[in-house]
Protein backbone atom coordinates (compact mmCIF):
# COMPACT_ATOMS: atom_id res chain seq x y z
CA MET A 1 -119.60 -135.50 44.98
CA GLU A 2 -120.70 -138.89 43.76
CA ALA A 3 -122.64 -138.94 40.49
CA SER A 4 -123.08 -142.67 40.04
CA SER A 5 -125.93 -144.36 38.22
CA GLY A 6 -126.22 -148.13 38.12
CA GLU A 7 -122.89 -149.81 37.51
CA VAL A 8 -121.19 -146.62 36.29
CA VAL A 9 -119.24 -145.05 39.17
CA ARG A 10 -118.50 -141.36 38.66
CA HIS A 11 -117.30 -138.56 40.89
CA ARG A 12 -117.50 -134.89 40.11
CA LEU A 13 -117.07 -131.58 41.84
CA SER A 14 -119.82 -129.90 43.78
CA ARG A 15 -122.12 -127.57 41.84
CA ALA A 16 -121.82 -124.96 44.57
CA GLY A 17 -119.99 -121.77 43.72
CA ASN A 18 -120.44 -118.78 41.51
CA ARG A 19 -123.40 -119.74 39.30
CA ARG A 20 -123.02 -116.65 37.12
CA MET A 21 -119.39 -117.53 36.37
CA ASN A 22 -120.40 -121.13 35.66
CA HIS A 23 -122.99 -119.88 33.17
CA ILE A 24 -120.40 -117.73 31.40
CA ILE A 25 -117.97 -120.64 31.16
CA HIS A 26 -120.77 -122.87 29.84
CA ILE A 27 -121.61 -120.33 27.11
CA ALA A 28 -117.89 -120.12 26.17
CA ALA A 29 -117.65 -123.93 26.00
CA ALA A 30 -120.81 -124.26 23.90
CA THR A 31 -119.49 -121.59 21.51
CA GLN A 32 -116.14 -123.36 21.19
CA ILE A 33 -117.86 -126.66 20.43
CA ARG A 34 -120.10 -125.03 17.80
CA LEU A 35 -117.25 -123.25 15.98
CA ASP A 36 -114.04 -124.70 14.57
CA THR A 37 -111.71 -123.96 17.50
CA PRO A 38 -109.08 -125.82 19.55
CA GLY A 39 -111.85 -126.33 22.14
CA ARG A 40 -113.88 -128.27 19.59
CA ALA A 41 -110.89 -130.50 18.81
CA TYR A 42 -110.39 -131.11 22.55
CA TYR A 43 -114.11 -131.94 22.96
CA ARG A 44 -113.98 -134.42 20.07
CA ARG A 45 -110.83 -136.06 21.49
CA LYS A 46 -112.63 -136.59 24.80
CA ILE A 47 -115.64 -138.15 23.05
CA ALA A 48 -113.29 -140.38 21.01
CA ALA A 49 -111.68 -141.45 24.30
CA GLY A 50 -115.05 -142.81 25.46
CA LYS A 51 -116.49 -139.92 27.45
CA THR A 52 -120.14 -138.99 27.13
CA CYS A 53 -121.14 -135.60 25.70
CA ALA A 54 -121.83 -134.23 29.21
CA GLU A 55 -118.49 -135.51 30.53
CA ALA A 56 -116.61 -134.06 27.54
CA MET A 57 -118.39 -130.72 28.10
CA ARG A 58 -117.37 -130.81 31.77
CA CYS A 59 -113.74 -131.43 30.75
CA LEU A 60 -113.82 -128.52 28.31
CA LYS A 61 -115.37 -126.22 30.93
CA ARG A 62 -112.64 -127.21 33.39
CA ARG A 63 -110.00 -126.42 30.79
CA ILE A 64 -111.58 -123.00 30.13
CA SER A 65 -111.78 -122.25 33.87
CA ASP A 66 -108.10 -123.17 34.25
CA ALA A 67 -107.21 -120.72 31.46
CA ILE A 68 -109.29 -118.00 33.14
CA TYR A 69 -107.56 -118.65 36.47
CA ARG A 70 -104.09 -118.45 34.86
CA GLN A 71 -105.04 -115.13 33.25
CA LEU A 72 -106.31 -113.77 36.59
CA LEU A 73 -103.01 -114.72 38.23
CA ALA A 74 -101.03 -113.06 35.44
CA ASP A 75 -103.14 -109.90 35.76
CA ALA A 76 -102.61 -109.85 39.53
CA ARG A 77 -98.84 -110.19 39.09
CA ALA A 78 -98.82 -107.37 36.54
CA ALA A 79 -100.89 -105.17 38.84
CA GLN A 80 -98.34 -105.44 41.66
CA GLY A 81 -95.88 -103.37 39.65
CA ALA A 82 -98.50 -101.01 38.20
CA ASP A 83 -99.38 -97.45 39.15
CA PRO A 84 -101.30 -96.71 42.38
CA GLY A 85 -104.63 -98.44 42.53
CA GLY A 86 -103.50 -101.25 40.26
CA HIS A 87 -104.66 -99.47 37.12
CA CYS A 88 -102.54 -97.88 34.44
CA GLY A 89 -102.81 -94.12 34.29
CA VAL A 90 -104.09 -93.57 37.83
CA SER A 91 -102.95 -90.28 39.34
CA HIS A 92 -103.15 -88.84 42.81
CA GLU A 93 -104.68 -85.57 41.57
CA SER A 94 -108.41 -85.07 41.49
CA SER A 95 -109.86 -84.52 38.04
CA ALA A 96 -113.20 -83.34 39.46
CA VAL A 97 -112.01 -79.76 39.98
CA ASP A 98 -109.01 -79.69 37.64
CA LEU A 99 -109.18 -79.17 33.92
CA PRO A 100 -109.27 -82.35 31.86
CA PRO A 101 -105.79 -83.29 30.67
CA HIS A 102 -104.54 -81.73 27.44
CA ILE A 103 -107.38 -79.16 27.24
CA ASP A 104 -106.55 -75.48 27.20
CA THR A 105 -109.00 -72.94 28.63
CA SER A 106 -109.78 -71.66 25.12
CA ASP A 107 -110.74 -75.18 24.01
CA GLN A 108 -113.54 -75.53 26.56
CA PRO A 109 -117.16 -75.04 25.47
CA LEU A 110 -118.97 -71.86 26.47
CA PRO A 111 -121.19 -72.17 29.55
CA GLY A 112 -124.94 -71.63 29.50
CA PRO A 113 -127.94 -73.13 27.76
CA ALA A 114 -128.41 -72.94 24.02
CA ALA A 115 -130.82 -70.34 22.66
CA THR A 116 -134.21 -71.67 21.65
CA THR A 117 -135.09 -71.33 17.97
CA LEU A 118 -138.69 -72.57 17.94
CA GLN A 119 -141.53 -70.55 19.41
CA PRO A 120 -144.04 -72.48 21.52
CA THR A 121 -147.38 -73.06 19.83
CA PRO A 122 -150.44 -71.59 21.64
CA HIS A 123 -152.89 -74.18 22.92
CA PRO A 124 -156.59 -73.31 22.32
CA ARG A 125 -158.91 -73.76 25.28
CA LYS A 126 -161.11 -76.78 25.15
CA THR A 127 -164.78 -76.44 26.08
CA SER A 128 -166.68 -79.42 27.23
CA ALA A 129 -169.65 -80.73 25.30
CA ARG A 130 -171.85 -80.31 28.40
CA LYS A 131 -171.27 -76.53 28.51
CA LEU A 132 -172.10 -76.24 24.80
CA ILE A 133 -175.40 -78.05 25.32
CA GLN A 134 -176.31 -75.88 28.35
CA THR A 135 -175.63 -72.64 26.50
CA ALA A 136 -177.63 -73.79 23.44
CA SER A 137 -180.80 -74.46 25.43
């Protein structure tokens, strides 16, 4: 997508895509610029190289998105050799009817509601002011 203005000719990627993910990456980039991190050093190098603040921010966001993508690929590769379902610790047995793991029958809490210790307070009946006036006259 062309982002030119006057004599400056610039091209950048389309803004289409996952806006929520873009917002998260933007927050991560802004945090890295604010704190003393390698991202801040990268941002300052880009500004020293002649990029504007917005262009340097775009470069940092691209670098963060590349790191996220590499981590997603590594997680996908690790999940191929994992237990069923791609998650560690997944079993084929249903835990809905079975006992929770490592709990003996004597360790389970007793069924039933707890006994009440407070007695309910009696509520006095309210009489309306109109009935009091009628009975007085």
